[in-house]
């Protein structure tokens, strides 16, 4: 008697072999337990790998979702970290811009690059955000957009094109940032 298990990847394993007629029931059970353990371990590793992929891509997925939700809007995409001094100055301004221009089709999306989300949470308690915050602990989005400093911002037009990029936040340039946003809103 031969009992064969064929796995999804095409590998087959003979559990019982006719050349070994002396196999006892307990040995068969032990072999079956071993293979079920092997299958469960493989599934657990696969699930762990899938969870890691989901975690790694979650920042990108979140950004893609938000950009799709705001398709046709002017988007101010801001990269920040809790340790960044100028980021503290930019948050009240971004809140004001969001409040003043949201009805015209403007939105702020921020991306936090802290490796520990607790640091970002503490920052946000002291500097509340009335706009979306995405956590990108692995810096996937920062690498994709080639971000060089903190904070950095990209201003995206209604067609989804990056029209302006800024490294740093300078209070003496606020009128420039506002002018760029208003110019894109008028188109």
N, C-alpha and C. Protein backbone atom coordinates (compact mmCIF):
# COMPACT_ATOMS: atom_id res chain seq x y z
N UNK A 1 0.84 -1.18 0.00
CA UNK A 1 0.00 0.00 0.00
C UNK A 1 0.88 1.24 0.00
N UNK A 2 0.53 2.23 -0.83
CA UNK A 2 1.28 3.48 -0.88
C UNK A 2 0.30 4.63 -0.64
N UNK A 3 0.62 5.48 0.29
CA UNK A 3 -0.15 6.71 0.53
C UNK A 3 0.76 7.85 0.17
N UNK A 4 0.33 8.67 -0.75
CA UNK A 4 1.15 9.79 -1.22
C UNK A 4 0.45 11.10 -0.92
N UNK A 5 1.20 12.04 -0.39
CA UNK A 5 0.70 13.41 -0.21
C UNK A 5 1.36 14.26 -1.29
N UNK A 6 0.55 14.97 -2.04
CA UNK A 6 1.08 15.86 -3.07
C UNK A 6 0.82 17.29 -2.61
N UNK A 7 1.89 18.04 -2.43
CA UNK A 7 1.78 19.43 -1.99
C UNK A 7 1.46 20.32 -3.18
N UNK A 8 0.99 21.53 -2.88
CA UNK A 8 0.59 22.46 -3.93
C UNK A 8 1.73 22.83 -4.88
N UNK A 9 2.95 22.76 -4.37
CA UNK A 9 4.07 23.13 -5.24
C UNK A 9 4.56 21.95 -6.08
N UNK A 10 3.83 20.84 -6.07
CA UNK A 10 4.15 19.71 -6.93
C UNK A 10 5.04 18.67 -6.28
N UNK A 11 5.49 18.90 -5.07
CA UNK A 11 6.34 17.93 -4.38
C UNK A 11 5.44 16.85 -3.81
N UNK A 12 5.82 15.62 -4.04
CA UNK A 12 5.04 14.52 -3.48
C UNK A 12 5.90 13.76 -2.49
N UNK A 13 5.26 13.25 -1.45
CA UNK A 13 5.96 12.51 -0.42
C UNK A 13 5.18 11.23 -0.16
N UNK A 14 5.88 10.11 -0.19
CA UNK A 14 5.25 8.83 0.15
C UNK A 14 5.33 8.65 1.65
N UNK A 15 4.17 8.51 2.28
CA UNK A 15 4.16 8.28 3.72
C UNK A 15 4.26 6.78 4.00
N UNK A 16 3.49 6.02 3.30
CA UNK A 16 3.54 4.56 3.44
C UNK A 16 4.08 3.98 2.15
N UNK A 17 4.92 3.07 2.28
CA UNK A 17 5.53 2.47 1.11
C UNK A 17 5.29 0.97 1.15
N UNK A 18 4.91 0.40 0.03
CA UNK A 18 4.63 -1.05 -0.03
C UNK A 18 5.86 -1.86 0.33
N UNK A 19 7.04 -1.30 0.16
CA UNK A 19 8.27 -2.04 0.50
C UNK A 19 8.48 -2.13 2.00
N UNK A 20 7.65 -1.39 2.77
CA UNK A 20 7.77 -1.43 4.22
C UNK A 20 6.44 -1.90 4.83
N UNK A 21 6.05 -3.15 4.59
CA UNK A 21 4.76 -3.63 5.08
C UNK A 21 4.70 -3.75 6.59
N UNK A 22 5.83 -3.66 7.25
CA UNK A 22 5.88 -3.85 8.69
C UNK A 22 5.54 -2.57 9.47
N UNK A 23 5.19 -1.49 8.78
CA UNK A 23 4.88 -0.25 9.47
C UNK A 23 3.68 -0.45 10.40
N UNK A 24 3.85 0.03 11.57
CA UNK A 24 2.76 -0.07 12.54
C UNK A 24 1.89 1.17 12.46
N UNK A 25 0.73 1.07 13.06
CA UNK A 25 -0.18 2.21 13.08
C UNK A 25 0.46 3.40 13.78
N UNK A 26 1.18 3.15 14.86
CA UNK A 26 1.80 4.27 15.60
C UNK A 26 2.87 4.95 14.76
N UNK A 27 3.62 4.20 13.96
CA UNK A 27 4.62 4.80 13.09
C UNK A 27 3.95 5.62 11.99
N UNK A 28 2.87 5.12 11.45
CA UNK A 28 2.11 5.86 10.43
C UNK A 28 1.61 7.17 11.02
N UNK A 29 1.06 7.11 12.23
CA UNK A 29 0.56 8.31 12.90
C UNK A 29 1.69 9.30 13.14
N UNK A 30 2.86 8.80 13.57
CA UNK A 30 4.01 9.68 13.78
C UNK A 30 4.43 10.37 12.48
N UNK A 31 4.43 9.61 11.39
CA UNK A 31 4.79 10.20 10.09
C UNK A 31 3.76 11.25 9.68
N UNK A 32 2.49 10.93 9.87
CA UNK A 32 1.44 11.90 9.53
C UNK A 32 1.55 13.15 10.39
N UNK A 33 1.83 12.97 11.69
CA UNK A 33 2.01 14.13 12.58
C UNK A 33 3.18 14.98 12.11
N UNK A 34 4.26 14.32 11.72
CA UNK A 34 5.43 15.05 11.23
C UNK A 34 5.08 15.89 10.00
N UNK A 35 4.38 15.29 9.05
CA UNK A 35 4.04 16.02 7.83
C UNK A 35 3.02 17.13 8.08
N UNK A 36 2.08 16.89 8.99
CA UNK A 36 1.14 17.96 9.32
C UNK A 36 1.86 19.11 10.03
N UNK A 37 2.81 18.77 10.88
CA UNK A 37 3.62 19.79 11.53
C UNK A 37 4.42 20.57 10.49
N UNK A 38 4.97 19.85 9.53
CA UNK A 38 5.71 20.48 8.44
C UNK A 38 4.80 21.44 7.65
N UNK A 39 3.60 20.99 7.37
CA UNK A 39 2.64 21.83 6.63
C UNK A 39 2.28 23.05 7.46
N UNK A 40 1.98 22.86 8.74
CA UNK A 40 1.61 24.00 9.60
C UNK A 40 2.76 25.00 9.72
N UNK A 41 3.98 24.50 9.86
CA UNK A 41 5.14 25.39 9.93
C UNK A 41 5.29 26.18 8.64
N UNK A 42 5.12 25.52 7.51
CA UNK A 42 5.21 26.20 6.23
C UNK A 42 4.15 27.29 6.11
N UNK A 43 2.92 26.96 6.53
CA UNK A 43 1.85 27.96 6.48
C UNK A 43 2.13 29.12 7.42
N UNK A 44 2.67 28.83 8.60
CA UNK A 44 2.98 29.90 9.55
C UNK A 44 4.06 30.81 8.98
N UNK A 45 5.09 30.22 8.37
CA UNK A 45 6.15 31.03 7.77
C UNK A 45 5.61 31.86 6.61
N UNK A 46 4.73 31.27 5.82
CA UNK A 46 4.13 31.99 4.71
C UNK A 46 3.30 33.15 5.24
N UNK A 47 2.50 32.90 6.28
CA UNK A 47 1.68 33.96 6.86
C UNK A 47 2.56 35.07 7.41
N UNK A 48 3.66 34.70 8.08
CA UNK A 48 4.59 35.71 8.62
C UNK A 48 5.19 36.54 7.49
N UNK A 49 5.58 35.89 6.42
CA UNK A 49 6.15 36.62 5.27
C UNK A 49 5.11 37.53 4.65
N UNK A 50 3.88 37.04 4.51
CA UNK A 50 2.83 37.88 3.95
C UNK A 50 2.54 39.07 4.86
N UNK A 51 2.56 38.85 6.18
CA UNK A 51 2.33 39.96 7.12
C UNK A 51 3.44 40.99 7.00
N UNK A 52 4.69 40.53 6.86
CA UNK A 52 5.80 41.48 6.69
C UNK A 52 5.64 42.27 5.41
N UNK A 53 5.27 41.62 4.32
CA UNK A 53 5.06 42.33 3.06
C UNK A 53 3.95 43.36 3.20
N UNK A 54 2.87 43.00 3.90
CA UNK A 54 1.76 43.92 4.09
C UNK A 54 2.22 45.12 4.92
N UNK A 55 3.00 44.85 5.98
CA UNK A 55 3.48 45.93 6.82
C UNK A 55 4.39 46.86 6.03
N UNK A 56 5.30 46.27 5.25
CA UNK A 56 6.23 47.07 4.48
C UNK A 56 5.52 47.91 3.43
N UNK A 57 4.49 47.38 2.85
CA UNK A 57 3.80 48.12 1.79
C UNK A 57 2.64 48.95 2.32
N UNK A 58 2.36 48.87 3.62
CA UNK A 58 1.18 49.56 4.12
C UNK A 58 1.29 51.08 3.97
N UNK A 59 2.46 51.66 4.15
CA UNK A 59 2.60 53.11 3.98
C UNK A 59 2.31 53.49 2.54
N UNK A 60 2.84 52.74 1.59
CA UNK A 60 2.57 53.02 0.18
C UNK A 60 1.10 52.80 -0.14
N UNK A 61 0.54 51.73 0.39
CA UNK A 61 -0.88 51.45 0.15
C UNK A 61 -1.75 52.56 0.71
N UNK A 62 -1.42 53.01 1.92
CA UNK A 62 -2.18 54.11 2.52
C UNK A 62 -2.08 55.37 1.68
N UNK A 63 -0.88 55.68 1.21
CA UNK A 63 -0.71 56.88 0.38
C UNK A 63 -1.47 56.74 -0.92
N UNK A 64 -1.36 55.59 -1.56
CA UNK A 64 -2.11 55.37 -2.81
C UNK A 64 -3.61 55.56 -2.60
N UNK A 65 -4.12 55.05 -1.48
CA UNK A 65 -5.54 55.17 -1.17
C UNK A 65 -5.93 56.63 -0.98
N UNK A 66 -5.14 57.36 -0.19
CA UNK A 66 -5.45 58.77 0.06
C UNK A 66 -5.37 59.61 -1.22
N UNK A 67 -4.37 59.34 -2.04
CA UNK A 67 -4.24 60.09 -3.30
C UNK A 67 -5.43 59.78 -4.21
N UNK A 68 -5.86 58.53 -4.23
CA UNK A 68 -7.04 58.18 -5.04
C UNK A 68 -8.29 58.87 -4.51
N UNK A 69 -8.41 58.95 -3.18
CA UNK A 69 -9.57 59.61 -2.58
C UNK A 69 -9.59 61.11 -2.90
N UNK A 70 -8.43 61.69 -3.08
CA UNK A 70 -8.32 63.13 -3.32
C UNK A 70 -7.92 63.43 -4.77
N UNK A 71 -8.23 62.49 -5.64
CA UNK A 71 -7.95 62.69 -7.07
C UNK A 71 -8.66 63.97 -7.54
N UNK A 72 -7.92 64.81 -8.20
CA UNK A 72 -8.49 66.08 -8.66
C UNK A 72 -8.27 67.22 -7.68
N UNK A 73 -7.70 66.91 -6.51
CA UNK A 73 -7.37 67.95 -5.53
C UNK A 73 -5.90 68.34 -5.66
N UNK A 74 -5.58 69.50 -5.13
CA UNK A 74 -4.18 69.89 -4.94
C UNK A 74 -3.77 69.27 -3.60
N UNK A 75 -2.64 68.56 -3.61
CA UNK A 75 -2.19 67.84 -2.41
C UNK A 75 -0.85 68.39 -1.95
N UNK A 76 -0.79 68.71 -0.67
CA UNK A 76 0.46 69.10 -0.03
C UNK A 76 0.95 67.86 0.71
N UNK A 77 1.99 67.22 0.21
CA UNK A 77 2.53 65.99 0.77
C UNK A 77 3.75 66.35 1.61
N UNK A 78 3.63 66.14 2.92
CA UNK A 78 4.66 66.59 3.86
C UNK A 78 5.32 65.40 4.55
N UNK A 79 6.64 65.37 4.57
CA UNK A 79 7.43 64.35 5.25
C UNK A 79 8.01 64.98 6.52
N UNK A 80 7.83 64.31 7.66
CA UNK A 80 8.26 64.89 8.93
C UNK A 80 8.71 63.81 9.90
N UNK A 81 9.36 64.25 10.98
CA UNK A 81 9.79 63.35 12.06
C UNK A 81 9.67 64.10 13.38
N UNK A 82 9.54 63.36 14.46
CA UNK A 82 9.32 63.98 15.77
C UNK A 82 10.52 64.80 16.25
N UNK A 83 11.71 64.45 15.82
CA UNK A 83 12.91 65.13 16.26
C UNK A 83 13.18 66.43 15.49
N UNK A 84 12.36 66.71 14.49
CA UNK A 84 12.59 67.83 13.58
C UNK A 84 12.00 69.12 14.14
N UNK A 85 12.85 70.08 14.45
CA UNK A 85 12.40 71.38 14.97
C UNK A 85 11.50 72.15 14.01
N UNK A 86 11.92 72.32 12.76
CA UNK A 86 11.06 73.04 11.81
C UNK A 86 9.71 72.36 11.56
N UNK A 87 9.63 71.05 11.79
CA UNK A 87 8.35 70.35 11.63
C UNK A 87 7.33 70.90 12.61
N UNK A 88 7.78 71.23 13.81
CA UNK A 88 6.88 71.80 14.83
C UNK A 88 6.28 73.12 14.34
N UNK A 89 7.07 73.88 13.61
CA UNK A 89 6.58 75.16 13.09
C UNK A 89 5.64 74.97 11.90
N UNK A 90 5.83 73.89 11.16
CA UNK A 90 5.02 73.69 9.95
C UNK A 90 3.60 73.20 10.26
N UNK A 91 3.41 72.51 11.38
CA UNK A 91 2.11 71.91 11.67
C UNK A 91 0.98 72.94 11.82
N UNK A 92 1.17 74.02 12.58
CA UNK A 92 0.08 75.01 12.66
C UNK A 92 -0.24 75.61 11.28
N UNK A 93 0.77 75.84 10.47
CA UNK A 93 0.54 76.39 9.14
C UNK A 93 -0.21 75.38 8.26
N UNK A 94 0.18 74.10 8.31
CA UNK A 94 -0.53 73.08 7.50
C UNK A 94 -1.98 72.94 7.96
N UNK A 95 -2.22 73.00 9.28
CA UNK A 95 -3.59 72.95 9.78
C UNK A 95 -4.41 74.12 9.22
N UNK A 96 -3.82 75.31 9.24
CA UNK A 96 -4.51 76.50 8.73
C UNK A 96 -4.79 76.37 7.24
N UNK A 97 -3.82 75.91 6.48
CA UNK A 97 -4.01 75.74 5.04
C UNK A 97 -5.11 74.71 4.76
N UNK A 98 -5.10 73.62 5.51
CA UNK A 98 -6.13 72.60 5.35
C UNK A 98 -7.51 73.20 5.63
N UNK A 99 -7.63 73.92 6.73
CA UNK A 99 -8.92 74.54 7.09
C UNK A 99 -9.36 75.58 6.08
N UNK A 100 -8.44 76.42 5.63
CA UNK A 100 -8.78 77.54 4.75
C UNK A 100 -9.10 77.11 3.32
N UNK A 101 -8.49 76.03 2.83
CA UNK A 101 -8.59 75.69 1.41
C UNK A 101 -9.21 74.32 1.11
N UNK A 102 -9.61 73.60 2.12
CA UNK A 102 -10.17 72.26 1.89
C UNK A 102 -11.40 72.32 0.98
N UNK A 103 -12.24 73.30 1.17
CA UNK A 103 -13.46 73.42 0.36
C UNK A 103 -13.14 73.71 -1.12
N UNK A 104 -11.95 74.21 -1.38
CA UNK A 104 -11.54 74.52 -2.76
C UNK A 104 -10.86 73.32 -3.43
N UNK A 105 -10.73 72.21 -2.71
CA UNK A 105 -10.08 71.04 -3.30
C UNK A 105 -8.61 70.93 -2.93
N UNK A 106 -8.30 71.25 -1.69
CA UNK A 106 -6.92 71.18 -1.20
C UNK A 106 -6.88 70.22 -0.02
N UNK A 107 -5.84 69.41 0.05
CA UNK A 107 -5.67 68.53 1.21
C UNK A 107 -4.20 68.38 1.56
N UNK A 108 -3.96 68.18 2.84
CA UNK A 108 -2.61 67.91 3.34
C UNK A 108 -2.55 66.43 3.71
N UNK A 109 -1.50 65.77 3.27
CA UNK A 109 -1.21 64.39 3.68
C UNK A 109 0.21 64.42 4.23
N UNK A 110 0.36 63.93 5.45
CA UNK A 110 1.70 63.94 6.05
C UNK A 110 2.21 62.51 6.22
N UNK A 111 3.51 62.38 6.13
CA UNK A 111 4.16 61.07 6.27
C UNK A 111 5.21 61.18 7.35
N UNK A 112 5.00 60.44 8.41
CA UNK A 112 5.94 60.43 9.52
C UNK A 112 7.00 59.37 9.29
N UNK A 113 8.26 59.72 9.55
CA UNK A 113 9.37 58.81 9.30
C UNK A 113 10.06 58.31 10.56
N UNK A 114 9.43 58.50 11.71
CA UNK A 114 10.01 57.97 12.95
C UNK A 114 10.03 56.45 12.91
N UNK A 115 11.10 55.87 13.47
CA UNK A 115 11.16 54.41 13.52
C UNK A 115 10.27 53.85 14.62
N UNK A 116 9.94 54.69 15.60
CA UNK A 116 9.04 54.28 16.68
C UNK A 116 7.78 55.15 16.61
N UNK A 117 6.66 54.51 16.41
CA UNK A 117 5.39 55.23 16.27
C UNK A 117 5.05 56.01 17.54
N UNK A 118 5.51 55.55 18.69
CA UNK A 118 5.24 56.25 19.95
C UNK A 118 5.82 57.66 19.94
N UNK A 119 6.95 57.84 19.30
CA UNK A 119 7.56 59.18 19.20
C UNK A 119 6.67 60.11 18.39
N UNK A 120 6.11 59.58 17.32
CA UNK A 120 5.19 60.37 16.49
C UNK A 120 3.92 60.70 17.27
N UNK A 121 3.43 59.73 18.05
CA UNK A 121 2.21 59.97 18.84
C UNK A 121 2.42 61.08 19.86
N UNK A 122 3.58 61.09 20.51
CA UNK A 122 3.90 62.15 21.47
C UNK A 122 3.97 63.50 20.76
N UNK A 123 4.61 63.53 19.62
CA UNK A 123 4.70 64.76 18.82
C UNK A 123 3.30 65.26 18.48
N UNK A 124 2.42 64.36 18.05
CA UNK A 124 1.08 64.74 17.63
C UNK A 124 0.21 65.19 18.80
N UNK A 125 0.51 64.74 20.01
CA UNK A 125 -0.20 65.24 21.18
C UNK A 125 0.14 66.71 21.41
N UNK A 126 1.38 67.06 21.15
CA UNK A 126 1.84 68.44 21.34
C UNK A 126 1.56 69.31 20.12
N UNK A 127 1.47 68.70 18.95
CA UNK A 127 1.27 69.41 17.68
C UNK A 127 0.17 68.69 16.90
N UNK A 128 -1.09 68.88 17.26
CA UNK A 128 -2.17 68.13 16.61
C UNK A 128 -2.22 68.39 15.11
N UNK A 129 -2.70 67.39 14.40
CA UNK A 129 -2.84 67.47 12.94
C UNK A 129 -4.31 67.27 12.58
N UNK A 130 -4.86 68.18 11.79
CA UNK A 130 -6.24 67.99 11.31
C UNK A 130 -6.22 67.49 9.87
N UNK A 131 -5.20 66.70 9.57
CA UNK A 131 -5.02 66.10 8.24
C UNK A 131 -4.50 64.69 8.43
N UNK A 132 -4.45 63.95 7.35
CA UNK A 132 -4.03 62.54 7.39
C UNK A 132 -2.56 62.41 7.76
N UNK A 133 -2.27 61.40 8.58
CA UNK A 133 -0.90 61.07 8.97
C UNK A 133 -0.66 59.61 8.62
N UNK A 134 0.38 59.36 7.85
CA UNK A 134 0.80 58.00 7.47
C UNK A 134 2.12 57.73 8.18
N UNK A 135 2.25 56.55 8.78
CA UNK A 135 3.49 56.17 9.44
C UNK A 135 4.32 55.32 8.48
N UNK A 136 5.55 55.75 8.24
CA UNK A 136 6.45 55.05 7.32
C UNK A 136 7.78 54.81 8.02
N UNK A 137 7.74 53.93 9.02
CA UNK A 137 8.92 53.66 9.85
C UNK A 137 10.11 53.16 9.04
N UNK A 138 9.86 52.49 7.93
CA UNK A 138 10.96 51.95 7.12
C UNK A 138 11.47 52.94 6.08
N UNK A 139 10.82 54.09 5.96
CA UNK A 139 11.29 55.11 5.03
C UNK A 139 11.07 54.77 3.57
N UNK A 140 10.15 53.85 3.31
CA UNK A 140 9.88 53.41 1.93
C UNK A 140 9.47 54.59 1.03
N UNK A 141 8.57 55.41 1.53
CA UNK A 141 8.09 56.54 0.71
C UNK A 141 9.16 57.63 0.59
N UNK A 142 9.91 57.85 1.64
CA UNK A 142 10.98 58.84 1.58
C UNK A 142 12.02 58.45 0.53
N UNK A 143 12.34 57.17 0.45
CA UNK A 143 13.28 56.71 -0.59
C UNK A 143 12.66 56.86 -1.97
N UNK A 144 11.40 56.50 -2.10
CA UNK A 144 10.72 56.59 -3.39
C UNK A 144 10.73 58.02 -3.92
N UNK A 145 10.44 58.98 -3.04
CA UNK A 145 10.40 60.39 -3.45
C UNK A 145 11.75 61.09 -3.33
N UNK A 146 12.78 60.34 -2.91
CA UNK A 146 14.15 60.87 -2.79
C UNK A 146 14.20 62.09 -1.87
N UNK A 147 13.60 61.94 -0.69
CA UNK A 147 13.56 63.01 0.30
C UNK A 147 14.95 63.18 0.91
N UNK A 148 15.40 64.43 0.98
CA UNK A 148 16.75 64.72 1.46
C UNK A 148 16.80 65.32 2.87
N UNK A 149 15.77 66.03 3.29
CA UNK A 149 15.80 66.70 4.60
C UNK A 149 14.44 66.70 5.25
N UNK A 150 14.41 67.16 6.50
CA UNK A 150 13.17 67.23 7.28
C UNK A 150 12.89 68.67 7.64
N UNK A 151 11.68 69.10 7.53
CA UNK A 151 10.62 68.46 6.77
C UNK A 151 10.87 68.67 5.28
N UNK A 152 10.22 67.88 4.48
CA UNK A 152 10.24 68.07 3.03
C UNK A 152 8.80 68.01 2.56
N UNK A 153 8.50 68.80 1.54
CA UNK A 153 7.12 68.81 1.04
C UNK A 153 7.11 68.78 -0.48
N UNK A 154 6.06 68.16 -0.98
CA UNK A 154 5.81 68.12 -2.41
C UNK A 154 4.41 68.68 -2.62
N UNK A 155 4.26 69.56 -3.59
CA UNK A 155 2.95 70.09 -3.89
C UNK A 155 2.53 69.50 -5.23
N UNK A 156 1.42 68.78 -5.18
CA UNK A 156 0.95 67.98 -6.32
C UNK A 156 -0.29 68.64 -6.90
N UNK A 157 -0.31 68.82 -8.22
CA UNK A 157 -1.46 69.49 -8.85
C UNK A 157 -2.65 68.56 -9.00
N UNK A 158 -3.72 69.06 -9.57
CA UNK A 158 -4.97 68.31 -9.70
C UNK A 158 -4.85 67.10 -10.62
N UNK A 159 -3.82 67.10 -11.45
CA UNK A 159 -3.59 65.98 -12.36
C UNK A 159 -2.67 64.92 -11.75
N UNK A 160 -2.22 65.15 -10.51
CA UNK A 160 -1.36 64.19 -9.84
C UNK A 160 0.12 64.38 -10.15
N UNK A 161 0.49 65.53 -10.68
CA UNK A 161 1.89 65.81 -11.02
C UNK A 161 2.54 66.63 -9.91
N UNK A 162 3.76 66.28 -9.56
CA UNK A 162 4.51 67.06 -8.57
C UNK A 162 4.97 68.34 -9.26
N UNK A 163 4.50 69.48 -8.75
CA UNK A 163 4.83 70.77 -9.35
C UNK A 163 5.88 71.53 -8.56
N UNK A 164 5.90 71.35 -7.23
CA UNK A 164 6.86 72.07 -6.38
C UNK A 164 7.39 71.12 -5.33
N UNK A 165 8.65 71.29 -4.99
CA UNK A 165 9.28 70.50 -3.93
C UNK A 165 10.09 71.44 -3.04
N UNK A 166 9.98 71.23 -1.74
CA UNK A 166 10.69 72.06 -0.78
C UNK A 166 11.37 71.18 0.26
N UNK A 167 12.60 71.51 0.58
CA UNK A 167 13.31 70.85 1.66
C UNK A 167 13.45 71.86 2.79
N UNK A 168 12.91 71.52 3.94
CA UNK A 168 12.87 72.44 5.07
C UNK A 168 11.57 73.22 5.08
N UNK A 169 11.30 73.85 6.20
CA UNK A 169 10.14 74.74 6.32
C UNK A 169 10.65 76.05 6.90
N UNK A 170 10.47 77.11 6.15
CA UNK A 170 10.99 78.41 6.55
C UNK A 170 9.83 79.40 6.64
N UNK A 171 9.68 80.03 7.81
CA UNK A 171 8.56 80.95 8.01
C UNK A 171 8.63 82.14 7.05
N UNK A 172 9.84 82.50 6.64
CA UNK A 172 9.95 83.62 5.68
C UNK A 172 9.59 83.21 4.26
N UNK A 173 9.29 81.93 4.02
CA UNK A 173 8.86 81.46 2.70
C UNK A 173 7.39 81.03 2.68
N UNK A 174 6.68 81.24 3.78
CA UNK A 174 5.28 80.82 3.86
C UNK A 174 4.45 81.44 2.74
N UNK A 175 4.69 82.71 2.45
CA UNK A 175 3.91 83.36 1.38
C UNK A 175 4.19 82.69 0.02
N UNK A 176 5.41 82.23 -0.20
CA UNK A 176 5.74 81.51 -1.43
C UNK A 176 4.97 80.19 -1.49
N UNK A 177 4.97 79.43 -0.38
CA UNK A 177 4.24 78.16 -0.35
C UNK A 177 2.75 78.38 -0.64
N UNK A 178 2.20 79.41 0.01
CA UNK A 178 0.78 79.72 -0.17
C UNK A 178 0.47 80.13 -1.61
N UNK A 179 1.35 80.91 -2.19
CA UNK A 179 1.16 81.35 -3.57
C UNK A 179 1.18 80.15 -4.53
N UNK A 180 2.09 79.23 -4.32
CA UNK A 180 2.17 78.04 -5.16
C UNK A 180 0.87 77.22 -5.06
N UNK A 181 0.38 77.06 -3.84
CA UNK A 181 -0.86 76.30 -3.62
C UNK A 181 -2.04 77.01 -4.29
N UNK A 182 -2.15 78.31 -4.05
CA UNK A 182 -3.26 79.07 -4.62
C UNK A 182 -3.22 79.08 -6.15
N UNK A 183 -2.02 79.13 -6.70
CA UNK A 183 -1.87 79.09 -8.16
C UNK A 183 -2.41 77.76 -8.71
N UNK A 184 -2.09 76.65 -8.05
CA UNK A 184 -2.55 75.34 -8.51
C UNK A 184 -4.05 75.18 -8.29
N UNK A 185 -4.58 75.75 -7.24
CA UNK A 185 -6.02 75.68 -6.99
C UNK A 185 -6.80 76.44 -8.05
N UNK A 186 -6.21 77.51 -8.58
CA UNK A 186 -6.89 78.34 -9.58
C UNK A 186 -6.97 77.68 -10.95
N UNK A 187 -6.12 76.69 -11.19
CA UNK A 187 -6.11 76.03 -12.52
C UNK A 187 -7.27 75.08 -12.68
